[in-house]
Amino acid sequence: MDALTMKKAAGEFAARYVEPHMLIGIGTGSTAYWFIQALGERVKQGLQIRAVATSKESAQLASALQIPILELNDVDEIVLTVDGADEVDPQLRLIKGGGGALLQEKMVAAASRRLVIVADERKQVQQLGAFPLPVEVIPAGWKHVRRRILEMNCSRVELRGNPQPFVTDHGHYILDCYFGKIEDAHALNISLHQIPGVVETGLFLNLATEAIIARADGSIQIIRRES
């Protein structure tokens, strides 16, 4: 399987997890796209569900497929969220935010009973950090935040977007931080949150309950977090 076929396989497999009348969270990104498409087909066949989206892009796609969208503020608990990731380690710790929706993704994940990650095998890593860590920041003072992060054993910090900064759905900027290897994800997450101006990080820790990994040989690997 090539990368596109693996993404499609993972997304379509995850759509089987959705049961009638579920309130679900729908993720953002190239693999979550195929989950939403497969879900749209099931809705067309009569499946009744409601969904909370993690981005305007996913909300628009879901609405076009007749999937009813609710605001996060209008729900108490989401039964199941399916989303992608940029890196997944063996403990199901994640780096997310390559698509720029990390803040909403984390809020939806935190409101969910289950967070299932869909990914192809290229996203599996033994240690987080090869993918640059996205950090969502307040636009005013982003240069000060950048300087503080560079002092944290980070080789490079880039403002996303060229020539104009990328602006998130919530009106913030994103700094892509090149750590190379993240030795202690929990400590780094705490340290980043202590910098004034940081809104959220792309470190998703103790949130994912399961990962659906599509492999190049056509198989699907299921990884579950140990409780």
N, C-alpha and C. Protein backbone atom coordinates (compact mmCIF):
# COMPACT_ATOMS: atom_id res chain seq x y z
N MET A 1 0.83 -1.20 0.00
CA MET A 1 0.00 0.00 0.00
C MET A 1 0.87 1.25 0.00
N ASP A 2 0.44 2.26 -0.76
CA ASP A 2 1.11 3.55 -0.67
C ASP A 2 0.50 4.35 0.48
N ALA A 3 1.04 5.55 0.73
CA ALA A 3 0.62 6.34 1.89
C ALA A 3 -0.87 6.67 1.83
N LEU A 4 -1.35 7.08 0.66
CA LEU A 4 -2.76 7.46 0.54
C LEU A 4 -3.67 6.27 0.83
N THR A 5 -3.32 5.11 0.31
CA THR A 5 -4.14 3.91 0.51
C THR A 5 -4.14 3.50 1.98
N MET A 6 -2.99 3.65 2.65
CA MET A 6 -2.94 3.32 4.07
C MET A 6 -3.83 4.27 4.88
N LYS A 7 -3.78 5.56 4.58
CA LYS A 7 -4.63 6.53 5.28
C LYS A 7 -6.11 6.18 5.10
N LYS A 8 -6.47 5.86 3.87
CA LYS A 8 -7.86 5.51 3.55
C LYS A 8 -8.29 4.26 4.32
N ALA A 9 -7.40 3.27 4.38
CA ALA A 9 -7.73 2.02 5.08
C ALA A 9 -7.95 2.27 6.57
N ALA A 10 -7.08 3.09 7.19
CA ALA A 10 -7.23 3.37 8.62
C ALA A 10 -8.51 4.13 8.90
N GLY A 11 -8.80 5.14 8.08
CA GLY A 11 -10.01 5.94 8.28
C GLY A 11 -11.27 5.13 8.12
N GLU A 12 -11.30 4.28 7.09
CA GLU A 12 -12.50 3.47 6.85
C GLU A 12 -12.68 2.41 7.94
N PHE A 13 -11.58 1.86 8.45
CA PHE A 13 -11.67 0.88 9.53
C PHE A 13 -12.28 1.52 10.77
N ALA A 14 -11.85 2.75 11.08
CA ALA A 14 -12.35 3.44 12.28
C ALA A 14 -13.84 3.75 12.18
N ALA A 15 -14.34 3.94 10.98
CA ALA A 15 -15.76 4.25 10.82
C ALA A 15 -16.65 3.12 11.32
N ARG A 16 -16.10 1.91 11.39
CA ARG A 16 -16.87 0.77 11.90
C ARG A 16 -17.14 0.90 13.40
N TYR A 17 -16.37 1.72 14.09
CA TYR A 17 -16.53 1.88 15.53
C TYR A 17 -17.78 2.69 15.89
N VAL A 18 -18.30 3.43 14.93
CA VAL A 18 -19.41 4.34 15.20
C VAL A 18 -20.72 3.57 15.18
N GLU A 19 -21.48 3.72 16.26
CA GLU A 19 -22.76 3.03 16.40
C GLU A 19 -23.91 4.03 16.29
N PRO A 20 -25.12 3.53 15.96
CA PRO A 20 -26.28 4.42 15.81
C PRO A 20 -26.50 5.30 17.04
N HIS A 21 -26.82 6.56 16.78
CA HIS A 21 -27.18 7.57 17.80
C HIS A 21 -26.00 8.00 18.67
N MET A 22 -24.80 7.65 18.27
CA MET A 22 -23.61 8.09 19.01
C MET A 22 -23.38 9.58 18.83
N LEU A 23 -22.83 10.20 19.87
CA LEU A 23 -22.29 11.55 19.76
C LEU A 23 -20.78 11.37 19.63
N ILE A 24 -20.22 11.78 18.50
CA ILE A 24 -18.82 11.53 18.22
C ILE A 24 -18.05 12.83 17.98
N GLY A 25 -16.75 12.73 18.08
CA GLY A 25 -15.86 13.82 17.69
C GLY A 25 -15.18 13.43 16.40
N ILE A 26 -15.09 14.36 15.46
CA ILE A 26 -14.43 14.06 14.19
C ILE A 26 -13.18 14.92 14.05
N GLY A 27 -12.09 14.25 13.72
CA GLY A 27 -10.80 14.89 13.70
C GLY A 27 -10.52 15.69 12.44
N THR A 28 -9.27 16.11 12.33
CA THR A 28 -8.81 16.95 11.24
C THR A 28 -7.55 16.33 10.64
N GLY A 29 -7.40 16.46 9.33
CA GLY A 29 -6.18 15.97 8.69
C GLY A 29 -6.46 14.97 7.59
N SER A 30 -5.39 14.52 6.96
CA SER A 30 -5.51 13.70 5.76
C SER A 30 -6.03 12.29 6.03
N THR A 31 -5.82 11.76 7.23
CA THR A 31 -6.36 10.44 7.55
C THR A 31 -7.78 10.55 8.11
N ALA A 32 -8.01 11.55 8.94
CA ALA A 32 -9.36 11.80 9.46
C ALA A 32 -10.34 12.09 8.30
N TYR A 33 -9.83 12.67 7.23
CA TYR A 33 -10.66 12.94 6.04
C TYR A 33 -11.35 11.67 5.57
N TRP A 34 -10.61 10.57 5.52
CA TRP A 34 -11.20 9.31 5.04
C TRP A 34 -12.18 8.73 6.04
N PHE A 35 -11.95 8.97 7.32
CA PHE A 35 -12.94 8.57 8.33
C PHE A 35 -14.26 9.31 8.10
N ILE A 36 -14.17 10.62 7.87
CA ILE A 36 -15.38 11.42 7.65
C ILE A 36 -16.09 10.98 6.38
N GLN A 37 -15.33 10.70 5.34
CA GLN A 37 -15.93 10.24 4.08
C GLN A 37 -16.68 8.92 4.28
N ALA A 38 -16.05 7.98 4.99
CA ALA A 38 -16.69 6.69 5.24
C ALA A 38 -17.93 6.86 6.11
N LEU A 39 -17.86 7.77 7.06
CA LEU A 39 -19.00 8.06 7.92
C LEU A 39 -20.15 8.64 7.11
N GLY A 40 -19.80 9.52 6.16
CA GLY A 40 -20.82 10.10 5.29
C GLY A 40 -21.57 9.04 4.50
N GLU A 41 -20.85 8.01 4.06
CA GLU A 41 -21.50 6.92 3.33
C GLU A 41 -22.47 6.17 4.23
N ARG A 42 -22.10 5.97 5.48
CA ARG A 42 -22.99 5.27 6.42
C ARG A 42 -24.21 6.12 6.75
N VAL A 43 -24.02 7.43 6.85
CA VAL A 43 -25.15 8.33 7.09
C VAL A 43 -26.12 8.28 5.91
N LYS A 44 -25.57 8.23 4.72
CA LYS A 44 -26.40 8.15 3.52
C LYS A 44 -27.25 6.88 3.52
N GLN A 45 -26.71 5.83 4.16
CA GLN A 45 -27.41 4.55 4.24
C GLN A 45 -28.37 4.48 5.43
N GLY A 46 -28.44 5.57 6.23
CA GLY A 46 -29.42 5.63 7.30
C GLY A 46 -28.88 5.75 8.70
N LEU A 47 -27.56 5.74 8.87
CA LEU A 47 -26.98 5.87 10.22
C LEU A 47 -27.31 7.25 10.79
N GLN A 48 -27.81 7.28 12.00
CA GLN A 48 -28.14 8.54 12.67
C GLN A 48 -27.11 8.80 13.78
N ILE A 49 -26.38 9.89 13.64
CA ILE A 49 -25.37 10.28 14.62
C ILE A 49 -25.35 11.80 14.73
N ARG A 50 -24.62 12.29 15.72
CA ARG A 50 -24.31 13.72 15.82
C ARG A 50 -22.81 13.84 16.08
N ALA A 51 -22.24 14.96 15.68
CA ALA A 51 -20.79 15.07 15.76
C ALA A 51 -20.35 16.46 16.21
N VAL A 52 -19.20 16.50 16.86
CA VAL A 52 -18.49 17.74 17.19
C VAL A 52 -17.20 17.73 16.37
N ALA A 53 -16.93 18.80 15.64
CA ALA A 53 -15.76 18.85 14.78
C ALA A 53 -14.59 19.51 15.48
N THR A 54 -13.38 19.13 15.06
CA THR A 54 -12.17 19.70 15.65
C THR A 54 -11.62 20.86 14.83
N SER A 55 -12.29 21.21 13.73
CA SER A 55 -11.85 22.34 12.91
C SER A 55 -12.99 22.78 12.01
N LYS A 56 -12.88 24.00 11.52
CA LYS A 56 -13.87 24.49 10.56
C LYS A 56 -13.86 23.65 9.29
N GLU A 57 -12.67 23.23 8.89
CA GLU A 57 -12.52 22.41 7.68
C GLU A 57 -13.29 21.10 7.81
N SER A 58 -13.13 20.41 8.94
CA SER A 58 -13.82 19.14 9.15
C SER A 58 -15.32 19.35 9.31
N ALA A 59 -15.72 20.45 9.94
CA ALA A 59 -17.15 20.76 10.08
C ALA A 59 -17.79 20.97 8.72
N GLN A 60 -17.11 21.67 7.84
CA GLN A 60 -17.65 21.92 6.51
C GLN A 60 -17.77 20.63 5.71
N LEU A 61 -16.75 19.76 5.79
CA LEU A 61 -16.80 18.48 5.09
C LEU A 61 -17.93 17.62 5.62
N ALA A 62 -18.05 17.53 6.94
CA ALA A 62 -19.10 16.71 7.55
C ALA A 62 -20.49 17.24 7.18
N SER A 63 -20.67 18.54 7.23
CA SER A 63 -21.97 19.13 6.88
C SER A 63 -22.34 18.83 5.45
N ALA A 64 -21.36 18.87 4.56
CA ALA A 64 -21.61 18.57 3.15
C ALA A 64 -22.05 17.12 2.96
N LEU A 65 -21.66 16.25 3.89
CA LEU A 65 -22.03 14.84 3.84
C LEU A 65 -23.25 14.54 4.70
N GLN A 66 -23.94 15.60 5.13
CA GLN A 66 -25.19 15.48 5.91
C GLN A 66 -24.98 14.91 7.31
N ILE A 67 -23.78 15.11 7.87
CA ILE A 67 -23.53 14.72 9.25
C ILE A 67 -23.85 15.92 10.13
N PRO A 68 -24.80 15.81 11.04
CA PRO A 68 -25.18 16.95 11.89
C PRO A 68 -24.03 17.35 12.83
N ILE A 69 -23.71 18.65 12.84
CA ILE A 69 -22.61 19.16 13.64
C ILE A 69 -23.13 19.99 14.82
N LEU A 70 -22.57 19.71 16.00
CA LEU A 70 -22.89 20.46 17.21
C LEU A 70 -21.64 21.22 17.67
N GLU A 71 -21.85 22.27 18.45
CA GLU A 71 -20.73 22.97 19.07
C GLU A 71 -20.30 22.23 20.34
N LEU A 72 -19.03 22.31 20.66
CA LEU A 72 -18.51 21.65 21.85
C LEU A 72 -19.23 22.14 23.11
N ASN A 73 -19.57 23.42 23.16
CA ASN A 73 -20.27 23.98 24.32
C ASN A 73 -21.67 23.40 24.52
N ASP A 74 -22.20 22.77 23.48
CA ASP A 74 -23.58 22.27 23.54
C ASP A 74 -23.67 20.81 23.93
N VAL A 75 -22.53 20.19 24.27
CA VAL A 75 -22.54 18.77 24.64
C VAL A 75 -21.86 18.60 25.99
N ASP A 76 -22.21 17.51 26.68
CA ASP A 76 -21.59 17.21 27.97
C ASP A 76 -20.38 16.29 27.80
N GLU A 77 -20.60 15.14 27.17
CA GLU A 77 -19.52 14.18 26.97
C GLU A 77 -19.64 13.56 25.59
N ILE A 78 -18.51 13.44 24.92
CA ILE A 78 -18.45 12.80 23.61
C ILE A 78 -18.09 11.33 23.83
N VAL A 79 -18.82 10.45 23.20
CA VAL A 79 -18.60 9.02 23.41
C VAL A 79 -17.29 8.57 22.78
N LEU A 80 -17.04 9.00 21.56
CA LEU A 80 -15.89 8.53 20.79
C LEU A 80 -15.40 9.64 19.88
N THR A 81 -14.10 9.89 19.88
CA THR A 81 -13.49 10.80 18.92
C THR A 81 -12.46 10.03 18.11
N VAL A 82 -12.48 10.24 16.80
CA VAL A 82 -11.50 9.64 15.90
C VAL A 82 -10.71 10.78 15.26
N ASP A 83 -9.39 10.72 15.40
CA ASP A 83 -8.54 11.80 14.91
C ASP A 83 -7.21 11.22 14.45
N GLY A 84 -6.46 11.99 13.70
CA GLY A 84 -5.14 11.57 13.24
C GLY A 84 -4.05 12.04 14.18
N ALA A 85 -2.80 11.78 13.81
CA ALA A 85 -1.64 12.22 14.59
C ALA A 85 -0.44 12.32 13.68
N ASP A 86 0.52 13.14 14.09
CA ASP A 86 1.76 13.29 13.34
C ASP A 86 2.82 12.32 13.83
N GLU A 87 2.76 11.96 15.10
CA GLU A 87 3.62 10.92 15.67
C GLU A 87 2.85 10.18 16.75
N VAL A 88 3.08 8.87 16.83
CA VAL A 88 2.49 8.01 17.86
C VAL A 88 3.60 7.13 18.43
N ASP A 89 3.79 7.17 19.75
CA ASP A 89 4.82 6.31 20.33
C ASP A 89 4.18 5.06 20.95
N PRO A 90 4.96 4.10 21.44
CA PRO A 90 4.38 2.85 21.94
C PRO A 90 3.41 3.02 23.10
N GLN A 91 3.52 4.12 23.86
CA GLN A 91 2.60 4.38 24.99
C GLN A 91 1.39 5.22 24.55
N LEU A 92 1.23 5.40 23.25
CA LEU A 92 0.16 6.20 22.66
C LEU A 92 0.24 7.67 23.07
N ARG A 93 1.45 8.13 23.32
CA ARG A 93 1.66 9.56 23.44
C ARG A 93 1.80 10.11 22.03
N LEU A 94 1.30 11.31 21.81
CA LEU A 94 1.19 11.83 20.45
C LEU A 94 1.82 13.20 20.30
N ILE A 95 2.24 13.48 19.06
CA ILE A 95 2.41 14.85 18.59
C ILE A 95 1.33 15.09 17.56
N LYS A 96 0.57 16.16 17.76
CA LYS A 96 -0.49 16.56 16.85
C LYS A 96 -0.37 18.05 16.55
N GLY A 97 -1.06 18.49 15.52
CA GLY A 97 -1.07 19.91 15.22
C GLY A 97 -0.47 20.27 13.87
N GLY A 98 -0.05 19.24 13.10
CA GLY A 98 0.47 19.52 11.78
C GLY A 98 -0.55 20.20 10.87
N GLY A 99 -1.82 19.92 11.15
CA GLY A 99 -2.90 20.54 10.38
C GLY A 99 -3.36 21.87 10.95
N GLY A 100 -2.80 22.25 12.10
CA GLY A 100 -3.10 23.56 12.67
C GLY A 100 -4.31 23.64 13.56
N ALA A 101 -4.88 22.47 13.96
CA ALA A 101 -6.12 22.48 14.75
C ALA A 101 -5.91 21.94 16.16
N LEU A 102 -4.68 22.01 16.67
CA LEU A 102 -4.36 21.30 17.91
C LEU A 102 -5.17 21.73 19.12
N LEU A 103 -5.50 23.02 19.24
CA LEU A 103 -6.24 23.49 20.41
C LEU A 103 -7.63 22.87 20.45
N GLN A 104 -8.36 22.97 19.36
CA GLN A 104 -9.71 22.39 19.31
C GLN A 104 -9.64 20.87 19.40
N GLU A 105 -8.62 20.28 18.78
CA GLU A 105 -8.46 18.82 18.86
C GLU A 105 -8.27 18.37 20.30
N LYS A 106 -7.47 19.13 21.06
CA LYS A 106 -7.23 18.71 22.44
C LYS A 106 -8.46 18.93 23.31
N MET A 107 -9.21 19.99 23.07
CA MET A 107 -10.43 20.23 23.84
C MET A 107 -11.46 19.13 23.58
N VAL A 108 -11.60 18.74 22.32
CA VAL A 108 -12.54 17.67 21.98
C VAL A 108 -12.06 16.34 22.55
N ALA A 109 -10.76 16.07 22.46
CA ALA A 109 -10.21 14.84 23.02
C ALA A 109 -10.45 14.75 24.52
N ALA A 110 -10.25 15.87 25.22
CA ALA A 110 -10.42 15.89 26.67
C ALA A 110 -11.87 15.68 27.08
N ALA A 111 -12.79 16.01 26.19
CA ALA A 111 -14.22 15.84 26.48
C ALA A 111 -14.74 14.47 26.05
N SER A 112 -13.85 13.61 25.58
CA SER A 112 -14.25 12.33 25.00
C SER A 112 -13.96 11.16 25.93
N ARG A 113 -14.88 10.20 25.91
CA ARG A 113 -14.69 8.97 26.68
C ARG A 113 -13.56 8.13 26.06
N ARG A 114 -13.52 8.12 24.72
CA ARG A 114 -12.48 7.37 24.00
C ARG A 114 -11.90 8.25 22.90
N LEU A 115 -10.59 8.21 22.75
CA LEU A 115 -9.92 8.89 21.63
C LEU A 115 -9.18 7.81 20.84
N VAL A 116 -9.65 7.58 19.64
CA VAL A 116 -9.04 6.59 18.75
C VAL A 116 -8.25 7.32 17.67
N ILE A 117 -6.99 6.99 17.55
CA ILE A 117 -6.11 7.63 16.57
C ILE A 117 -6.02 6.76 15.32
N VAL A 118 -6.16 7.40 14.17
CA VAL A 118 -5.99 6.71 12.89
C VAL A 118 -4.71 7.23 12.24
N ALA A 119 -3.87 6.31 11.76
CA ALA A 119 -2.59 6.72 11.20
C ALA A 119 -2.05 5.60 10.31
N ASP A 120 -1.10 5.96 9.45
CA ASP A 120 -0.37 4.94 8.71
C ASP A 120 0.93 4.64 9.45
N GLU A 121 1.58 3.56 9.07
CA GLU A 121 2.73 3.08 9.83
C GLU A 121 3.89 4.07 9.90
N ARG A 122 3.94 5.02 8.98
CA ARG A 122 5.03 6.01 8.99
C ARG A 122 4.96 6.93 10.20
N LYS A 123 3.78 6.99 10.85
CA LYS A 123 3.61 7.88 12.01
C LYS A 123 4.05 7.22 13.32
N GLN A 124 4.34 5.93 13.27
CA GLN A 124 4.80 5.23 14.48
C GLN A 124 6.26 5.55 14.75
N VAL A 125 6.56 5.93 15.98
CA VAL A 125 7.94 6.24 16.38
C VAL A 125 8.22 5.61 17.74
N GLN A 126 9.47 5.38 18.01
CA GLN A 126 9.86 4.90 19.34
C GLN A 126 9.97 6.05 20.33
N GLN A 127 10.32 7.24 19.82
CA GLN A 127 10.46 8.41 20.68
C GLN A 127 9.94 9.63 19.94
N LEU A 128 9.14 10.44 20.61
CA LEU A 128 8.58 11.64 20.00
C LEU A 128 9.67 12.69 19.75
N GLY A 129 9.44 13.51 18.73
CA GLY A 129 10.29 14.68 18.54
C GLY A 129 10.88 14.88 17.17
N ALA A 130 10.92 13.85 16.33
CA ALA A 130 11.45 14.05 14.98
C ALA A 130 10.55 15.01 14.20
N PHE A 131 9.24 14.86 14.38
CA PHE A 131 8.29 15.81 13.79
C PHE A 131 8.32 17.08 14.64
N PRO A 132 8.42 18.25 14.02
CA PRO A 132 8.47 19.48 14.83
C PRO A 132 7.20 19.65 15.66
N LEU A 133 7.39 19.96 16.93
CA LEU A 133 6.27 20.08 17.86
C LEU A 133 5.54 21.41 17.65
N PRO A 134 4.26 21.39 17.29
CA PRO A 134 3.51 22.63 17.16
C PRO A 134 3.13 23.19 18.53
N VAL A 135 3.30 24.48 18.69
CA VAL A 135 2.90 25.18 19.91
C VAL A 135 2.06 26.38 19.49
N GLU A 136 0.82 26.41 19.96
CA GLU A 136 -0.10 27.50 19.60
C GLU A 136 0.13 28.67 20.55
N VAL A 137 0.29 29.86 19.99
CA VAL A 137 0.67 31.02 20.80
C VAL A 137 -0.18 32.24 20.46
N ILE A 138 -0.27 33.16 21.42
CA ILE A 138 -0.92 34.44 21.20
C ILE A 138 -0.07 35.26 20.22
N PRO A 139 -0.67 35.85 19.18
CA PRO A 139 0.14 36.60 18.20
C PRO A 139 0.98 37.72 18.81
N ALA A 140 0.41 38.44 19.77
CA ALA A 140 1.16 39.52 20.41
C ALA A 140 2.24 38.91 21.30
N GLY A 141 3.49 39.10 20.94
CA GLY A 141 4.58 38.60 21.76
C GLY A 141 5.09 37.23 21.36
N TRP A 142 4.75 36.75 20.16
CA TRP A 142 5.20 35.41 19.77
C TRP A 142 6.73 35.32 19.71
N LYS A 143 7.40 36.43 19.42
CA LYS A 143 8.86 36.41 19.34
C LYS A 143 9.48 36.15 20.71
N HIS A 144 8.84 36.67 21.76
CA HIS A 144 9.32 36.42 23.12
C HIS A 144 9.15 34.94 23.48
N VAL A 145 8.01 34.37 23.08
CA VAL A 145 7.78 32.94 23.32
C VAL A 145 8.82 32.12 22.58
N ARG A 146 9.09 32.50 21.34
CA ARG A 146 10.08 31.79 20.53
C ARG A 146 11.44 31.78 21.22
N ARG A 147 11.86 32.92 21.77
CA ARG A 147 13.15 32.99 22.45
C ARG A 147 13.20 32.07 23.66
N ARG A 148 12.10 32.03 24.40
CA ARG A 148 12.05 31.17 25.59
C ARG A 148 12.15 29.69 25.20
N ILE A 149 11.49 29.32 24.12
CA ILE A 149 11.52 27.91 23.69
C ILE A 149 12.91 27.53 23.20
N LEU A 150 13.59 28.45 22.54
CA LEU A 150 14.94 28.17 22.06
C LEU A 150 15.91 27.91 23.22
N GLU A 151 15.59 28.41 24.39
CA GLU A 151 16.41 28.18 25.58
C GLU A 151 16.17 26.80 26.20
N MET A 152 15.20 26.06 25.64
CA MET A 152 14.80 24.77 26.21
C MET A 152 15.34 23.59 25.39
N ASN A 153 16.59 23.67 24.99
CA ASN A 153 17.22 22.59 24.23
C ASN A 153 16.49 22.31 22.92
N CYS A 154 16.02 23.37 22.30
CA CYS A 154 15.32 23.27 21.02
C CYS A 154 16.21 23.90 19.95
N SER A 155 16.51 23.17 18.89
CA SER A 155 17.48 23.64 17.90
C SER A 155 16.93 24.74 17.00
N ARG A 156 15.61 24.71 16.74
CA ARG A 156 15.03 25.69 15.81
C ARG A 156 13.55 25.87 16.13
N VAL A 157 13.09 27.11 16.04
CA VAL A 157 11.66 27.42 16.23
C VAL A 157 11.24 28.32 15.07
N GLU A 158 10.24 27.87 14.30
CA GLU A 158 9.80 28.61 13.14
C GLU A 158 8.34 29.03 13.29
N LEU A 159 8.05 30.27 12.94
CA LEU A 159 6.66 30.72 12.87
C LEU A 159 6.04 30.11 11.63
N ARG A 160 4.95 29.39 11.79
CA ARG A 160 4.33 28.73 10.64
C ARG A 160 3.71 29.77 9.69
N GLY A 161 3.93 29.55 8.41
CA GLY A 161 3.35 30.43 7.39
C GLY A 161 4.39 31.31 6.74
N ASN A 162 4.31 31.40 5.41
CA ASN A 162 5.27 32.23 4.69
C ASN A 162 4.63 32.66 3.36
N PRO A 163 4.52 33.95 3.08
CA PRO A 163 5.08 35.07 3.86
C PRO A 163 4.17 35.52 5.01
N GLN A 164 2.88 35.16 4.97
CA GLN A 164 1.95 35.57 6.02
C GLN A 164 1.83 34.46 7.06
N PRO A 165 1.81 34.81 8.36
CA PRO A 165 1.66 33.78 9.40
C PRO A 165 0.37 33.00 9.24
N PHE A 166 0.45 31.69 9.49
CA PHE A 166 -0.74 30.84 9.55
C PHE A 166 -1.54 31.24 10.78
N VAL A 167 -2.85 31.41 10.62
CA VAL A 167 -3.72 31.79 11.73
C VAL A 167 -4.70 30.64 11.99
N THR A 168 -4.75 30.18 13.23
CA THR A 168 -5.63 29.06 13.58
C THR A 168 -7.09 29.49 13.61
N ASP A 169 -7.97 28.50 13.73
CA ASP A 169 -9.41 28.79 13.82
C ASP A 169 -9.73 29.70 14.99
N HIS A 170 -8.88 29.68 16.02
CA HIS A 170 -9.12 30.49 17.21
C HIS A 170 -8.32 31.80 17.20
N GLY A 171 -7.70 32.11 16.05
CA GLY A 171 -7.03 33.40 15.90
C GLY A 171 -5.62 33.48 16.43
N HIS A 172 -4.96 32.33 16.60
CA HIS A 172 -3.60 32.31 17.14
C HIS A 172 -2.58 31.96 16.06
N TYR A 173 -1.29 32.07 16.42
CA TYR A 173 -0.19 31.64 15.57
C TYR A 173 0.30 30.27 16.04
N ILE A 174 1.10 29.62 15.20
CA ILE A 174 1.72 28.35 15.58
C ILE A 174 3.23 28.45 15.39
N LEU A 175 3.95 28.04 16.44
CA LEU A 175 5.41 27.89 16.35
C LEU A 175 5.72 26.41 16.19
N ASP A 176 6.50 26.08 15.17
CA ASP A 176 6.94 24.70 14.96
C ASP A 176 8.33 24.55 15.58
N CYS A 177 8.43 23.68 16.59
CA CYS A 177 9.62 23.59 17.42
C CYS A 177 10.37 22.29 17.15
N TYR A 178 11.61 22.41 16.74
CA TYR A 178 12.43 21.27 16.35
C TYR A 178 13.27 20.80 17.53
N PHE A 179 12.74 19.83 18.27
CA PHE A 179 13.45 19.29 19.42
C PHE A 179 14.34 18.10 19.05
N GLY A 180 14.02 17.44 17.95
CA GLY A 180 14.81 16.27 17.55
C GLY A 180 14.43 15.04 18.34
N LYS A 181 14.66 15.06 19.64
CA LYS A 181 14.23 13.99 20.55
C LYS A 181 13.64 14.62 21.80
N ILE A 182 12.48 14.15 22.18
CA ILE A 182 11.84 14.63 23.41
C ILE A 182 12.03 13.56 24.47
N GLU A 183 12.94 13.83 25.39
CA GLU A 183 13.29 12.83 26.40
C GLU A 183 12.20 12.65 27.44
N ASP A 184 11.56 13.75 27.84
CA ASP A 184 10.51 13.70 28.87
C ASP A 184 9.36 14.56 28.41
N ALA A 185 8.39 13.93 27.75
CA ALA A 185 7.27 14.68 27.15
C ALA A 185 6.44 15.39 28.21
N HIS A 186 6.24 14.76 29.35
CA HIS A 186 5.41 15.37 30.39
C HIS A 186 6.08 16.62 30.96
N ALA A 187 7.36 16.54 31.22
CA ALA A 187 8.08 17.70 31.76
C ALA A 187 8.12 18.83 30.73
N LEU A 188 8.33 18.49 29.48
CA LEU A 188 8.36 19.52 28.43
C LEU A 188 7.00 20.20 28.30
N ASN A 189 5.95 19.42 28.36
CA ASN A 189 4.60 19.98 28.24
C ASN A 189 4.33 20.98 29.36
N ILE A 190 4.73 20.64 30.58
CA ILE A 190 4.54 21.54 31.72
C ILE A 190 5.37 22.81 31.54
N SER A 191 6.62 22.65 31.11
CA SER A 191 7.50 23.80 30.94
C SER A 191 6.98 24.76 29.87
N LEU A 192 6.48 24.22 28.78
CA LEU A 192 5.95 25.07 27.71
C LEU A 192 4.72 25.85 28.18
N HIS A 193 3.87 25.20 28.97
CA HIS A 193 2.67 25.86 29.46
C HIS A 193 2.98 26.97 30.46
N GLN A 194 4.17 26.96 31.01
CA GLN A 194 4.54 28.00 31.97
C GLN A 194 5.04 29.27 31.29
N ILE A 195 5.19 29.24 29.97
CA ILE A 195 5.63 30.42 29.23
C ILE A 195 4.42 31.30 28.92
N PRO A 196 4.38 32.54 29.40
CA PRO A 196 3.25 33.42 29.09
C PRO A 196 3.13 33.62 27.58
N GLY A 197 1.93 33.42 27.07
CA GLY A 197 1.70 33.54 25.63
C GLY A 197 1.46 32.21 24.95
N VAL A 198 1.85 31.11 25.62
CA VAL A 198 1.56 29.78 25.07
C VAL A 198 0.10 29.43 25.38
N VAL A 199 -0.63 29.08 24.34
CA VAL A 199 -2.04 28.71 24.50
C VAL A 199 -2.17 27.20 24.71
N GLU A 200 -1.49 26.42 23.85
CA GLU A 200 -1.57 24.97 23.95
C GLU A 200 -0.39 24.36 23.19
N THR A 201 -0.07 23.11 23.53
CA THR A 201 1.01 22.40 22.84
C THR A 201 0.43 21.22 22.07
N GLY A 202 1.21 20.74 21.12
CA GLY A 202 0.81 19.58 20.33
C GLY A 202 1.15 18.25 20.98
N LEU A 203 1.57 18.27 22.25
CA LEU A 203 1.80 17.03 22.99
C LEU A 203 0.48 16.55 23.56
N PHE A 204 0.01 15.40 23.10
CA PHE A 204 -1.23 14.80 23.58
C PHE A 204 -0.84 13.60 24.44
N LEU A 205 -0.94 13.76 25.75
CA LEU A 205 -0.45 12.77 26.70
C LEU A 205 -1.61 12.23 27.53
N ASN A 206 -1.68 10.93 27.66
CA ASN A 206 -2.75 10.28 28.44
C ASN A 206 -4.14 10.62 27.90
N LEU A 207 -4.24 10.78 26.60
CA LEU A 207 -5.54 11.08 25.98
C LEU A 207 -5.99 9.97 25.04
N ALA A 208 -5.09 9.48 24.21
CA ALA A 208 -5.46 8.42 23.25
C ALA A 208 -5.67 7.10 23.99
N THR A 209 -6.76 6.42 23.68
CA THR A 209 -7.05 5.12 24.28
C THR A 209 -6.72 3.98 23.33
N GLU A 210 -6.64 4.29 22.03
CA GLU A 210 -6.43 3.25 21.03
C GLU A 210 -5.87 3.88 19.76
N ALA A 211 -5.09 3.12 19.02
CA ALA A 211 -4.60 3.58 17.72
C ALA A 211 -4.87 2.51 16.68
N ILE A 212 -5.35 2.94 15.53
CA ILE A 212 -5.55 2.06 14.37
C ILE A 212 -4.45 2.41 13.37
N ILE A 213 -3.52 1.49 13.18
CA ILE A 213 -2.37 1.74 12.31
C ILE A 213 -2.49 0.89 11.06
N ALA A 214 -2.56 1.54 9.91
CA ALA A 214 -2.59 0.83 8.63
C ALA A 214 -1.16 0.60 8.17
N ARG A 215 -0.87 -0.64 7.77
CA ARG A 215 0.48 -1.00 7.37
C ARG A 215 0.58 -1.20 5.86
N ALA A 216 1.80 -1.06 5.35
CA ALA A 216 2.03 -1.14 3.91
C ALA A 216 1.67 -2.50 3.33
N ASP A 217 1.70 -3.56 4.18
CA ASP A 217 1.37 -4.89 3.68
C ASP A 217 -0.13 -5.14 3.62
N GLY A 218 -0.92 -4.11 3.95
CA GLY A 218 -2.37 -4.24 3.87
C GLY A 218 -3.04 -4.59 5.18
N SER A 219 -2.26 -4.86 6.21
CA SER A 219 -2.84 -5.24 7.51
C SER A 219 -3.17 -4.00 8.34
N ILE A 220 -4.00 -4.22 9.36
CA ILE A 220 -4.36 -3.18 10.32
C ILE A 220 -3.88 -3.62 11.70
N GLN A 221 -3.12 -2.77 12.36
CA GLN A 221 -2.65 -3.05 13.71
C GLN A 221 -3.44 -2.20 14.70
N ILE A 222 -3.93 -2.83 15.74
CA ILE A 222 -4.65 -2.12 16.80
C ILE A 222 -3.77 -2.06 18.04
N ILE A 223 -3.53 -0.86 18.54
CA ILE A 223 -2.75 -0.67 19.76
C ILE A 223 -3.65 -0.04 20.80
N ARG A 224 -3.72 -0.64 21.98
CA ARG A 224 -4.54 -0.10 23.06
C ARG A 224 -3.66 0.33 24.22
N ARG A 225 -4.02 1.46 24.81
CA ARG A 225 -3.23 1.94 25.94
C ARG A 225 -3.52 1.11 27.17
N GLU A 226 -2.47 0.76 27.88
CA GLU A 226 -2.65 0.01 29.11
C GLU A 226 -3.20 0.94 30.18
N SER A 227 -4.23 0.49 30.90
CA SER A 227 -4.84 1.33 31.93
C SER A 227 -4.01 1.30 33.20
